[in-house]
Amino acid sequence: MSTPPAVIPGSMSLVITIVDGRDTLRRMLQAVRGQQGAPPLQILAPYDDSRPDIGAMAAEFPEVEFFSIGRVETGHPIDSAGGQHELFDRRRAAGLKRSTGALVAILEDRAPPRPNWCATMARLHEELPHAVMGGAIESASTDNLNWAFFACDFSRYAPPFEAGPREWVSDVNVCYKRRALELTRDLWQARFHEPEVHWRLMQQGETLYLTPEAIVDYKTPYTSLLGVLPERFQWGRLFGYIRARNVSPLARLKFIAAGPLLPLVLFKRHADAQAKRGQGARFWQAAPVMLPLLCAWSAGEVWGYITRRG
């Protein structure tokens, strides 16, 4: 395990997960550049040899630490959904290892923060004792496919909602006190798995706190449902794999047995959540797209439980 760099008091590190890159990443970094009242920032943009184009952006954004983690051998083909997710996880881990902030945030290039994001997270961490602050995620997509993708992943984080402790916050919009990283350092040396890290923190007595004040705007570029389904399957499989290795064998069997009902349970949960937000009509408009997405995720999650492989 590598020796962590010295922490700079009063500063914040932003680890940017590069998913789409190029114009998407440019939009994200421009949003970071426009932050108002932010503490001193360290902006980290790790990439690997599969995306050599990212390093070329350094001249445009000299305030950002672009750094390559080299060639990454992945368990799945690098151009598959599984291989891509592994690259995202490894980039996050590399950014966390290089971070020097007393606060360390993870953001995704698909979800640029609003201008007061850094100042808000810094203020909340100063006011509240909680180790983990998750923020709200708003959809910036209007078409059915990309809105449904957003709703499947982020309904529980979409405003309006009341601030308070939660069992889940998202690594698309999260900020940690330094102690949270030290308590979980052994878990994310190679790959950052959000559920595993957060479960460990809750077991240690830490609180995941969700705030509607720190907002990011999430937008995806998908154009084909068939192109998205393999990704949903693989991401569900990864979640099932992570969960399977953190629960008892009996709980794992219960999850497997409940698998056929999972798409319907998720569908109802999302329908209820959107109705509470006043988005019931929008939900049913996107339902023909959302149901296949939920079925693909559910199949992957159950397969992860069965195989215990991500």
C-alpha atoms as a PDB file:
ATOM      1  CA  MET A   1       0.000   0.000   0.000  1.00  0.00           C
ATOM      2  CA  SER A   2       1.541   3.309  -1.083  1.00  0.00           C
ATOM      3  CA  THR A   3       2.261   6.105   1.378  1.00  0.00           C
ATOM      4  CA  PRO A   4      -0.443   8.788   1.066  1.00  0.00           C
ATOM      5  CA  PRO A   5       0.674  12.347   0.255  1.00  0.00           C
ATOM      6  CA  ALA A   6       0.586  15.029   2.935  1.00  0.00           C
ATOM      7  CA  VAL A   7      -2.850  16.528   3.507  1.00  0.00           C
ATOM      8  CA  ILE A   8      -3.284  20.274   2.959  1.00  0.00           C
ATOM      9  CA  PRO A   9      -5.620  21.714   5.626  1.00  0.00           C
ATOM     10  CA  GLY A  10      -8.585  23.723   4.390  1.00  0.00           C
ATOM     11  CA  SER A  11      -8.304  22.425   0.821  1.00  0.00           C
ATOM     12  CA  MET A  12     -10.561  20.262  -1.342  1.00  0.00           C
ATOM     13  CA  SER A  13      -9.539  17.662  -3.897  1.00  0.00           C
ATOM     14  CA  LEU A  14     -11.883  16.985  -6.820  1.00  0.00           C
ATOM     15  CA  VAL A  15     -11.429  13.583  -8.459  1.00  0.00           C
ATOM     16  CA  ILE A  16     -13.058  13.741 -11.899  1.00  0.00           C
ATOM     17  CA  THR A  17     -14.179  10.351 -13.213  1.00  0.00           C
ATOM     18  CA  ILE A  18     -13.716  10.452 -16.987  1.00  0.00           C
ATOM     19  CA  VAL A  19     -16.497   8.489 -18.645  1.00  0.00           C
ATOM     20  CA  ASP A  20     -17.204  10.249 -21.948  1.00  0.00           C
ATOM     21  CA  GLY A  21     -14.241  12.654 -22.157  1.00  0.00           C
ATOM     22  CA  ARG A  22     -13.778  15.293 -24.864  1.00  0.00           C
ATOM     23  CA  ASP A  23     -16.636  17.826 -24.964  1.00  0.00           C
ATOM     24  CA  THR A  24     -18.321  16.234 -21.949  1.00  0.00           C
ATOM     25  CA  LEU A  25     -15.145  16.569 -19.890  1.00  0.00           C
ATOM     26  CA  ARG A  26     -14.604  20.094 -21.217  1.00  0.00           C
ATOM     27  CA  ARG A  27     -18.064  21.126 -20.034  1.00  0.00           C
ATOM     28  CA  MET A  28     -17.356  19.623 -16.623  1.00  0.00           C
ATOM     29  CA  LEU A  29     -14.005  21.393 -16.215  1.00  0.00           C
ATOM     30  CA  GLN A  30     -15.489  24.705 -17.299  1.00  0.00           C
ATOM     31  CA  ALA A  31     -18.089  24.270 -14.553  1.00  0.00           C
ATOM     32  CA  VAL A  32     -15.327  23.581 -12.029  1.00  0.00           C
ATOM     33  CA  ARG A  33     -13.436  26.636 -13.271  1.00  0.00           C
ATOM     34  CA  GLY A  34     -16.572  28.712 -12.645  1.00  0.00           C
ATOM     35  CA  GLN A  35     -16.972  27.723  -8.982  1.00  0.00           C
ATOM     36  CA  GLN A  36     -17.754  30.664  -6.696  1.00  0.00           C
ATOM     37  CA  GLY A  37     -16.343  30.976  -3.190  1.00  0.00           C
ATOM     38  CA  ALA A  38     -14.567  27.617  -3.394  1.00  0.00           C
ATOM     39  CA  PRO A  39     -11.781  26.602  -1.001  1.00  0.00           C
ATOM     40  CA  PRO A  40      -8.325  25.974  -2.490  1.00  0.00           C
ATOM     41  CA  LEU A  41      -8.840  23.218  -5.061  1.00  0.00           C
ATOM     42  CA  GLN A  42      -6.775  20.332  -6.320  1.00  0.00           C
ATOM     43  CA  ILE A  43      -8.435  19.090  -9.522  1.00  0.00           C
ATOM     44  CA  LEU A  44      -7.442  15.566 -10.524  1.00  0.00           C
ATOM     45  CA  ALA A  45      -8.224  14.003 -13.921  1.00  0.00           C
ATOM     46  CA  PRO A  46      -6.741  10.495 -14.070  1.00  0.00           C
ATOM     47  CA  TYR A  47      -6.850   8.588 -17.352  1.00  0.00           C
ATOM     48  CA  ASP A  48      -5.183   5.534 -18.868  1.00  0.00           C
ATOM     49  CA  ASP A  49      -3.583   4.444 -22.121  1.00  0.00           C
ATOM     50  CA  SER A  50      -6.975   3.678 -23.668  1.00  0.00           C
ATOM     51  CA  ARG A  51      -7.712   7.430 -23.678  1.00  0.00           C
ATOM     52  CA  PRO A  52      -4.494   9.193 -24.746  1.00  0.00           C
ATOM     53  CA  ASP A  53      -6.569  12.126 -26.045  1.00  0.00           C
ATOM     54  CA  ILE A  54      -7.353  13.239 -22.502  1.00  0.00           C
ATOM     55  CA  GLY A  55      -3.816  14.376 -21.763  1.00  0.00           C
ATOM     56  CA  ALA A  56      -3.980  16.779 -24.706  1.00  0.00           C
ATOM     57  CA  MET A  57      -6.462  18.897 -22.741  1.00  0.00           C
ATOM     58  CA  ALA A  58      -3.794  19.924 -20.222  1.00  0.00           C
ATOM     59  CA  ALA A  59      -2.869  23.064 -22.177  1.00  0.00           C
ATOM     60  CA  GLU A  60      -6.497  24.202 -22.138  1.00  0.00           C
ATOM     61  CA  PHE A  61      -6.894  23.564 -18.407  1.00  0.00           C
ATOM     62  CA  PRO A  62      -3.507  24.184 -16.751  1.00  0.00           C
ATOM     63  CA  GLU A  63      -5.099  24.221 -13.291  1.00  0.00           C
ATOM     64  CA  VAL A  64      -6.031  20.540 -13.663  1.00  0.00           C
ATOM     65  CA  GLU A  65      -3.676  17.659 -12.816  1.00  0.00           C
ATOM     66  CA  PHE A  66      -4.061  15.360 -15.813  1.00  0.00           C
ATOM     67  CA  PHE A  67      -2.084  12.178 -15.194  1.00  0.00           C
ATOM     68  CA  SER A  68      -1.926   8.779 -16.834  1.00  0.00           C
ATOM     69  CA  ILE A  69      -2.135   5.543 -14.887  1.00  0.00           C
ATOM     70  CA  GLY A  70      -0.652   3.728 -17.882  1.00  0.00           C
ATOM     71  CA  ARG A  71      -1.868   0.489 -19.386  1.00  0.00           C
ATOM     72  CA  VAL A  72      -4.627  -1.208 -17.409  1.00  0.00           C
ATOM     73  CA  GLU A  73      -5.322  -4.920 -17.776  1.00  0.00           C
ATOM     74  CA  THR A  74      -9.038  -5.478 -17.248  1.00  0.00           C
ATOM     75  CA  GLY A  75     -10.929  -8.650 -16.392  1.00  0.00           C
ATOM     76  CA  HIS A  76     -13.371  -8.013 -19.232  1.00  0.00           C
ATOM     77  CA  PRO A  77     -12.479  -6.798 -22.758  1.00  0.00           C
ATOM     78  CA  ILE A  78     -11.562  -3.150 -22.545  1.00  0.00           C
ATOM     79  CA  ASP A  79     -14.221  -2.123 -25.058  1.00  0.00           C
ATOM     80  CA  SER A  80     -17.007  -3.943 -23.176  1.00  0.00           C
ATOM     81  CA  ALA A  81     -19.251  -2.412 -20.511  1.00  0.00           C
ATOM     82  CA  GLY A  82     -17.487  -4.467 -17.844  1.00  0.00           C
ATOM     83  CA  GLY A  83     -14.046  -3.404 -18.990  1.00  0.00           C
ATOM     84  CA  GLN A  84     -15.074   0.245 -19.143  1.00  0.00           C
ATOM     85  CA  HIS A  85     -16.547   0.149 -15.635  1.00  0.00           C
ATOM     86  CA  GLU A  86     -13.311  -1.336 -14.317  1.00  0.00           C
ATOM     87  CA  LEU A  87     -11.384   1.530 -15.915  1.00  0.00           C
ATOM     88  CA  PHE A  88     -13.698   4.069 -14.234  1.00  0.00           C
ATOM     89  CA  ASP A  89     -13.154   2.354 -10.863  1.00  0.00           C
ATOM     90  CA  ARG A  90      -9.381   2.275 -11.286  1.00  0.00           C
ATOM     91  CA  ARG A  91      -9.218   5.911 -12.366  1.00  0.00           C
ATOM     92  CA  ARG A  92     -11.169   6.943  -9.264  1.00  0.00           C
ATOM     93  CA  ALA A  93      -8.832   4.936  -7.046  1.00  0.00           C
ATOM     94  CA  ALA A  94      -5.776   6.538  -8.657  1.00  0.00           C
ATOM     95  CA  GLY A  95      -7.241   9.991  -8.076  1.00  0.00           C
ATOM     96  CA  LEU A  96      -8.003   9.247  -4.430  1.00  0.00           C
ATOM     97  CA  LYS A  97      -4.440   8.021  -3.840  1.00  0.00           C
ATOM     98  CA  ARG A  98      -3.054  11.270  -5.266  1.00  0.00           C
ATOM     99  CA  SER A  99      -5.451  13.578  -3.410  1.00  0.00           C
ATOM    100  CA  THR A 100      -4.155  16.021  -0.798  1.00  0.00           C
ATOM    101  CA  GLY A 101      -7.362  17.761   0.283  1.00  0.00           C
ATOM    102  CA  ALA A 102      -8.801  17.707   3.776  1.00  0.00           C
ATOM    103  CA  LEU A 103     -12.025  17.181   1.823  1.00  0.00           C
ATOM    104  CA  VAL A 104     -12.050  14.824  -1.152  1.00  0.00           C
ATOM    105  CA  ALA A 105     -14.880  14.826  -3.686  1.00  0.00           C
ATOM    106  CA  ILE A 106     -15.696  12.486  -6.543  1.00  0.00           C
ATOM    107  CA  LEU A 107     -17.563  13.894  -9.526  1.00  0.00           C
ATOM    108  CA  GLU A 108     -18.225  12.486 -12.995  1.00  0.00           C
ATOM    109  CA  ASP A 109     -17.645  14.278 -16.275  1.00  0.00           C
ATOM    110  CA  ARG A 110     -21.283  13.648 -17.231  1.00  0.00           C
ATOM    111  CA  ALA A 111     -22.496  15.679 -14.251  1.00  0.00           C
ATOM    112  CA  PRO A 112     -20.983  19.190 -13.980  1.00  0.00           C
ATOM    113  CA  PRO A 113     -21.521  20.909 -10.625  1.00  0.00           C
ATOM    114  CA  ARG A 114     -23.492  24.116 -10.248  1.00  0.00           C
ATOM    115  CA  PRO A 115     -21.489  27.273  -9.402  1.00  0.00           C
ATOM    116  CA  ASN A 116     -21.941  27.053  -5.612  1.00  0.00           C
ATOM    117  CA  TRP A 117     -21.147  23.328  -5.346  1.00  0.00           C
ATOM    118  CA  CYS A 118     -17.667  23.514  -3.812  1.00  0.00           C
ATOM    119  CA  ALA A 119     -18.581  26.320  -1.412  1.00  0.00           C
ATOM    120  CA  THR A 120     -21.708  24.456  -0.324  1.00  0.00           C
ATOM    121  CA  MET A 121     -19.910  21.174   0.315  1.00  0.00           C
ATOM    122  CA  ALA A 122     -17.145  22.951   2.250  1.00  0.00           C
ATOM    123  CA  ARG A 123     -19.710  24.777   4.399  1.00  0.00           C
ATOM    124  CA  LEU A 124     -21.730  21.642   5.137  1.00  0.00           C
ATOM    125  CA  HIS A 125     -18.637  19.678   6.098  1.00  0.00           C
ATOM    126  CA  GLU A 126     -17.671  22.477   8.482  1.00  0.00           C
ATOM    127  CA  GLU A 127     -21.165  22.682  10.007  1.00  0.00           C
ATOM    128  CA  LEU A 128     -21.896  18.953  10.281  1.00  0.00           C
ATOM    129  CA  PRO A 129     -19.855  16.054  11.687  1.00  0.00           C
ATOM    130  CA  HIS A 130     -20.778  13.509   9.028  1.00  0.00           C
ATOM    131  CA  ALA A 131     -17.928  11.906   7.101  1.00  0.00           C
ATOM    132  CA  VAL A 132     -19.822  11.635   3.813  1.00  0.00           C
ATOM    133  CA  MET A 133     -21.896  14.307   2.058  1.00  0.00           C
ATOM    134  CA  GLY A 134     -23.829  13.243  -1.009  1.00  0.00           C
ATOM    135  CA  GLY A 135     -25.486  15.814  -3.227  1.00  0.00           C
ATOM    136  CA  ALA A 136     -28.540  16.042  -5.439  1.00  0.00           C
ATOM    137  CA  ILE A 137     -28.475  14.834  -9.043  1.00  0.00           C
ATOM    138  CA  GLU A 138     -30.759  16.517 -11.557  1.00  0.00           C
ATOM    139  CA  SER A 139     -31.482  15.262 -15.060  1.00  0.00           C
ATOM    140  CA  ALA A 140     -30.250  17.420 -17.939  1.00  0.00           C
ATOM    141  CA  SER A 141     -31.737  15.009 -20.515  1.00  0.00           C
ATOM    142  CA  THR A 142     -35.179  15.373 -22.063  1.00  0.00           C
ATOM    143  CA  ASP A 143     -35.534  12.411 -24.457  1.00  0.00           C
ATOM    144  CA  ASN A 144     -37.110   9.214 -23.148  1.00  0.00           C
ATOM    145  CA  LEU A 145     -34.046   6.965 -23.328  1.00  0.00           C
ATOM    146  CA  ASN A 146     -31.600   9.205 -21.486  1.00  0.00           C
ATOM    147  CA  TRP A 147     -34.221  10.398 -19.001  1.00  0.00           C
ATOM    148  CA  ALA A 148     -35.102   6.760 -18.238  1.00  0.00           C
ATOM    149  CA  PHE A 149     -31.417   5.913 -17.803  1.00  0.00           C
ATOM    150  CA  PHE A 150     -31.127   8.790 -15.339  1.00  0.00           C
ATOM    151  CA  ALA A 151     -34.275   7.773 -13.469  1.00  0.00           C
ATOM    152  CA  CYS A 152     -33.132   4.149 -13.148  1.00  0.00           C
ATOM    153  CA  ASP A 153     -29.872   5.167 -11.482  1.00  0.00           C
ATOM    154  CA  PHE A 154     -30.595   8.429  -9.708  1.00  0.00           C
ATOM    155  CA  SER A 155     -34.289   8.738  -8.757  1.00  0.00           C
ATOM    156  CA  ARG A 156     -33.449   8.722  -5.060  1.00  0.00           C
ATOM    157  CA  TYR A 157     -31.106  11.696  -5.498  1.00  0.00           C
ATOM    158  CA  ALA A 158     -33.358  13.871  -7.661  1.00  0.00           C
ATOM    159  CA  PRO A 159     -34.663  17.005  -5.939  1.00  0.00           C
ATOM    160  CA  PRO A 160     -36.821  18.022  -4.237  1.00  0.00           C
ATOM    161  CA  PHE A 161     -36.096  16.081  -1.049  1.00  0.00           C
ATOM    162  CA  GLU A 162     -35.299  16.833   2.581  1.00  0.00           C
ATOM    163  CA  ALA A 163     -31.716  16.699   3.740  1.00  0.00           C
ATOM    164  CA  GLY A 164     -30.785  13.938   6.147  1.00  0.00           C
ATOM    165  CA  PRO A 165     -29.022  10.622   6.743  1.00  0.00           C
ATOM    166  CA  ARG A 166     -29.412   8.000   4.025  1.00  0.00           C
ATOM    167  CA  GLU A 167     -28.336   4.449   3.294  1.00  0.00           C
ATOM    168  CA  TRP A 168     -27.159   5.460  -0.187  1.00  0.00           C
ATOM    169  CA  VAL A 169     -25.324   8.375  -1.770  1.00  0.00           C
ATOM    170  CA  SER A 170     -23.808   8.379  -5.274  1.00  0.00           C
ATOM    171  CA  ASP A 171     -20.183   8.635  -6.354  1.00  0.00           C
ATOM    172  CA  VAL A 172     -21.412  10.899  -9.154  1.00  0.00           C
ATOM    173  CA  ASN A 173     -21.825  13.606  -6.481  1.00  0.00           C
ATOM    174  CA  VAL A 174     -20.101  12.984  -3.159  1.00  0.00           C
ATOM    175  CA  CYS A 175     -17.592  14.665  -0.866  1.00  0.00           C
ATOM    176  CA  TYR A 176     -15.681  12.953   1.962  1.00  0.00           C
ATOM    177  CA  LYS A 177     -13.887  14.147   5.033  1.00  0.00           C
ATOM    178  CA  ARG A 178     -10.350  12.821   4.961  1.00  0.00           C
ATOM    179  CA  ARG A 179     -11.058  10.316   7.748  1.00  0.00           C
ATOM    180  CA  ALA A 180     -13.569   8.506   5.516  1.00  0.00           C
ATOM    181  CA  LEU A 181     -10.810   7.682   3.039  1.00  0.00           C
ATOM    182  CA  GLU A 182      -8.418   6.550   5.748  1.00  0.00           C
ATOM    183  CA  LEU A 183     -11.045   4.224   7.245  1.00  0.00           C
ATOM    184  CA  THR A 184     -11.531   2.543   3.863  1.00  0.00           C
ATOM    185  CA  ARG A 185      -8.101   2.864   2.229  1.00  0.00           C
ATOM    186  CA  ASP A 186      -7.620  -0.901   2.005  1.00  0.00           C
ATOM    187  CA  LEU A 187     -10.851  -1.237   0.014  1.00  0.00           C
ATOM    188  CA  TRP A 188     -10.014   1.169  -2.804  1.00  0.00           C
ATOM    189  CA  GLN A 189      -6.304   0.647  -3.432  1.00  0.00           C
ATOM    190  CA  ALA A 190      -7.005  -0.966  -6.805  1.00  0.00           C
ATOM    191  CA  ARG A 191     -10.661  -0.184  -7.579  1.00  0.00           C
ATOM    192  CA  PHE A 192     -13.168   2.159  -5.972  1.00  0.00           C
ATOM    193  CA  HIS A 193     -16.441   0.337  -5.332  1.00  0.00           C
ATOM    194  CA  GLU A 194     -18.922   2.857  -3.959  1.00  0.00           C
ATOM    195  CA  PRO A 195     -21.255   0.360  -2.165  1.00  0.00           C
ATOM    196  CA  GLU A 196     -18.420  -1.464  -0.413  1.00  0.00           C
ATOM    197  CA  VAL A 197     -16.794   1.761   0.772  1.00  0.00           C
ATOM    198  CA  HIS A 198     -20.070   3.171   2.064  1.00  0.00           C
ATOM    199  CA  TRP A 199     -21.086  -0.066   3.789  1.00  0.00           C
ATOM    200  CA  ARG A 200     -17.735  -0.107   5.615  1.00  0.00           C
ATOM    201  CA  LEU A 201     -18.191   3.487   6.741  1.00  0.00           C
ATOM    202  CA  MET A 202     -21.680   2.804   8.100  1.00  0.00           C
ATOM    203  CA  GLN A 203     -20.354  -0.265   9.925  1.00  0.00           C
ATOM    204  CA  GLN A 204     -17.758   2.038  11.510  1.00  0.00           C
ATOM    205  CA  GLY A 205     -20.553   4.311  12.775  1.00  0.00           C
ATOM    206  CA  GLU A 206     -20.220   7.003  10.123  1.00  0.00           C
ATOM    207  CA  THR A 207     -23.233   8.701   8.531  1.00  0.00           C
ATOM    208  CA  LEU A 208     -24.008   9.116   4.849  1.00  0.00           C
ATOM    209  CA  TYR A 209     -25.749  12.495   4.601  1.00  0.00           C
ATOM    210  CA  LEU A 210     -27.685  13.597   1.527  1.00  0.00           C
ATOM    211  CA  THR A 211     -28.197  17.298   0.821  1.00  0.00           C
ATOM    212  CA  PRO A 212     -30.351  18.989  -1.834  1.00  0.00           C
ATOM    213  CA  GLU A 213     -28.094  22.058  -1.755  1.00  0.00           C
ATOM    214  CA  ALA A 214     -25.123  20.709  -3.743  1.00  0.00           C
ATOM    215  CA  ILE A 215     -26.472  19.896  -7.213  1.00  0.00           C
ATOM    216  CA  VAL A 216     -24.962  18.399 -10.344  1.00  0.00           C
ATOM    217  CA  ASP A 217     -26.717  18.164 -13.724  1.00  0.00           C
ATOM    218  CA  TYR A 218     -26.436  14.707 -15.261  1.00  0.00           C
ATOM    219  CA  LYS A 219     -26.583  14.075 -19.002  1.00  0.00           C
ATOM    220  CA  THR A 220     -25.867  10.967 -21.063  1.00  0.00           C
ATOM    221  CA  PRO A 221     -25.357  10.658 -24.849  1.00  0.00           C
ATOM    222  CA  TYR A 222     -27.179   7.379 -25.574  1.00  0.00           C
ATOM    223  CA  THR A 223     -29.031   6.991 -28.856  1.00  0.00           C
ATOM    224  CA  SER A 224     -29.981   3.285 -28.840  1.00  0.00           C
ATOM    225  CA  LEU A 225     -31.760   1.151 -26.234  1.00  0.00           C
ATOM    226  CA  LEU A 226     -30.009  -1.968 -27.542  1.00  0.00           C
ATOM    227  CA  GLY A 227     -26.692  -0.213 -27.041  1.00  0.00           C
ATOM    228  CA  VAL A 228     -27.474   0.543 -23.399  1.00  0.00           C
ATOM    229  CA  LEU A 229     -28.818  -2.844 -22.272  1.00  0.00           C
ATOM    230  CA  PRO A 230     -25.412  -4.632 -22.107  1.00  0.00           C
ATOM    231  CA  GLU A 231     -24.120  -1.804 -19.919  1.00  0.00           C
ATOM    232  CA  ARG A 232     -27.099  -2.080 -17.557  1.00  0.00           C
ATOM    233  CA  PHE A 233     -26.578  -5.843 -17.311  1.00  0.00           C
ATOM    234  CA  GLN A 234     -22.887  -5.511 -16.525  1.00  0.00           C
ATOM    235  CA  TRP A 235     -23.339  -2.718 -13.985  1.00  0.00           C
ATOM    236  CA  GLY A 236     -26.075  -4.739 -12.262  1.00  0.00           C
ATOM    237  CA  ARG A 237     -23.777  -7.759 -12.289  1.00  0.00           C
ATOM    238  CA  LEU A 238     -21.021  -5.760 -10.619  1.00  0.00           C
ATOM    239  CA  PHE A 239     -23.408  -4.564  -7.905  1.00  0.00           C
ATOM    240  CA  GLY A 240     -24.614  -8.144  -7.305  1.00  0.00           C
ATOM    241  CA  TYR A 241     -21.029  -9.380  -7.096  1.00  0.00           C
ATOM    242  CA  ILE A 242     -20.051  -6.702  -4.578  1.00  0.00           C
ATOM    243  CA  ARG A 243     -23.150  -7.310  -2.485  1.00  0.00           C
ATOM    244  CA  ALA A 244     -22.714 -11.101  -2.589  1.00  0.00           C
ATOM    245  CA  ARG A 245     -19.279 -10.913  -1.031  1.00  0.00           C
ATOM    246  CA  ASN A 246     -20.528  -8.638   1.756  1.00  0.00           C
ATOM    247  CA  VAL A 247     -23.560 -10.649   2.950  1.00  0.00           C
ATOM    248  CA  SER A 248     -24.120 -14.085   4.456  1.00  0.00           C
ATOM    249  CA  PRO A 249     -24.703 -17.137   2.229  1.00  0.00           C
ATOM    250  CA  LEU A 250     -28.336 -17.227   3.390  1.00  0.00           C
ATOM    251  CA  ALA A 251     -28.902 -13.578   2.429  1.00  0.00           C
ATOM    252  CA  ARG A 252     -27.295 -14.257  -0.954  1.00  0.00           C
ATOM    253  CA  LEU A 253     -29.706 -17.158  -1.566  1.00  0.00           C
ATOM    254  CA  LYS A 254     -32.631 -14.927  -0.637  1.00  0.00           C
ATOM    255  CA  PHE A 255     -31.511 -12.317  -3.152  1.00  0.00           C
ATOM    256  CA  ILE A 256     -31.249 -15.002  -5.848  1.00  0.00           C
ATOM    257  CA  ALA A 257     -34.688 -16.412  -5.025  1.00  0.00           C
ATOM    258  CA  ALA A 258     -36.233 -12.917  -5.187  1.00  0.00           C
ATOM    259  CA  GLY A 259     -34.607 -12.217  -8.550  1.00  0.00           C
ATOM    260  CA  PRO A 260     -37.683 -12.820 -10.761  1.00  0.00           C
ATOM    261  CA  LEU A 261     -39.595 -10.158  -8.827  1.00  0.00           C
ATOM    262  CA  LEU A 262     -36.801  -7.599  -8.858  1.00  0.00           C
ATOM    263  CA  PRO A 263     -37.731  -5.765 -12.106  1.00  0.00           C
ATOM    264  CA  LEU A 264     -41.311  -5.281 -10.885  1.00  0.00           C
ATOM    265  CA  VAL A 265     -40.177  -4.119  -7.445  1.00  0.00           C
ATOM    266  CA  LEU A 266     -37.790  -1.608  -9.013  1.00  0.00           C
ATOM    267  CA  PHE A 267     -40.403  -0.453 -11.515  1.00  0.00           C
ATOM    268  CA  LYS A 268     -42.934   0.266  -8.753  1.00  0.00           C
ATOM    269  CA  ARG A 269     -40.281   1.964  -6.622  1.00  0.00           C
ATOM    270  CA  HIS A 270     -39.366   4.304  -9.470  1.00  0.00           C
ATOM    271  CA  ALA A 271     -43.027   4.948 -10.329  1.00  0.00           C
ATOM    272  CA  ASP A 272     -43.749   5.930  -6.724  1.00  0.00           C
ATOM    273  CA  ALA A 273     -40.644   8.111  -6.502  1.00  0.00           C
ATOM    274  CA  GLN A 274     -41.470  10.001  -9.683  1.00  0.00           C
ATOM    275  CA  ALA A 275     -45.121  10.431  -8.655  1.00  0.00           C
ATOM    276  CA  LYS A 276     -43.977  12.043  -5.396  1.00  0.00           C
ATOM    277  CA  ARG A 277     -41.849  14.448  -7.434  1.00  0.00           C
ATOM    278  CA  GLY A 278     -44.780  15.349  -9.653  1.00  0.00           C
ATOM    279  CA  GLN A 279     -43.172  13.483 -12.549  1.00  0.00           C
ATOM    280  CA  GLY A 280     -45.737  10.679 -12.830  1.00  0.00           C
ATOM    281  CA  ALA A 281     -46.754  11.533 -16.389  1.00  0.00           C
ATOM    282  CA  ARG A 282     -43.078  11.768 -17.399  1.00  0.00           C
ATOM    283  CA  PHE A 283     -42.411   8.378 -15.874  1.00  0.00           C
ATOM    284  CA  TRP A 284     -45.193   6.636 -17.795  1.00  0.00           C
ATOM    285  CA  GLN A 285     -44.073   8.302 -21.012  1.00  0.00           C
ATOM    286  CA  ALA A 286     -40.643   6.744 -20.548  1.00  0.00           C
ATOM    287  CA  ALA A 287     -41.918   3.447 -19.081  1.00  0.00           C
ATOM    288  CA  PRO A 288     -41.577   1.430 -22.336  1.00  0.00           C
ATOM    289  CA  VAL A 289     -37.863   2.236 -22.280  1.00  0.00           C
ATOM    290  CA  MET A 290     -37.384   2.031 -18.533  1.00  0.00           C
ATOM    291  CA  LEU A 291     -38.768  -1.478 -18.074  1.00  0.00           C
ATOM    292  CA  PRO A 292     -36.167  -3.123 -20.377  1.00  0.00           C
ATOM    293  CA  LEU A 293     -33.421  -1.161 -18.598  1.00  0.00           C
ATOM    294  CA  LEU A 294     -34.623  -2.459 -15.230  1.00  0.00           C
ATOM    295  CA  CYS A 295     -34.886  -6.013 -16.559  1.00  0.00           C
ATOM    296  CA  ALA A 296     -31.304  -5.874 -17.845  1.00  0.00           C
ATOM    297  CA  TRP A 297     -30.029  -4.513 -14.519  1.00  0.00           C
ATOM    298  CA  SER A 298     -31.978  -7.124 -12.541  1.00  0.00           C
ATOM    299  CA  ALA A 299     -30.685 -10.001 -14.676  1.00  0.00           C
ATOM    300  CA  GLY A 300     -27.151  -8.754 -14.198  1.00  0.00           C
ATOM    301  CA  GLU A 301     -27.585  -8.283 -10.450  1.00  0.00           C
ATOM    302  CA  VAL A 302     -28.907 -11.828  -9.988  1.00  0.00           C
ATOM    303  CA  TRP A 303     -26.121 -13.226 -12.182  1.00  0.00           C
ATOM    304  CA  GLY A 304     -23.633 -11.412  -9.956  1.00  0.00           C
ATOM    305  CA  TYR A 305     -25.170 -13.098  -6.905  1.00  0.00           C
ATOM    306  CA  ILE A 306     -25.018 -16.518  -8.570  1.00  0.00           C
ATOM    307  CA  THR A 307     -21.523 -16.353 -10.033  1.00  0.00           C
ATOM    308  CA  ARG A 308     -19.919 -14.050  -7.449  1.00  0.00           C
ATOM    309  CA  ARG A 309     -18.010 -12.510 -10.330  1.00  0.00           C
ATOM    310  CA  GLY A 310     -18.069  -8.885 -11.445  1.00  0.00           C
END
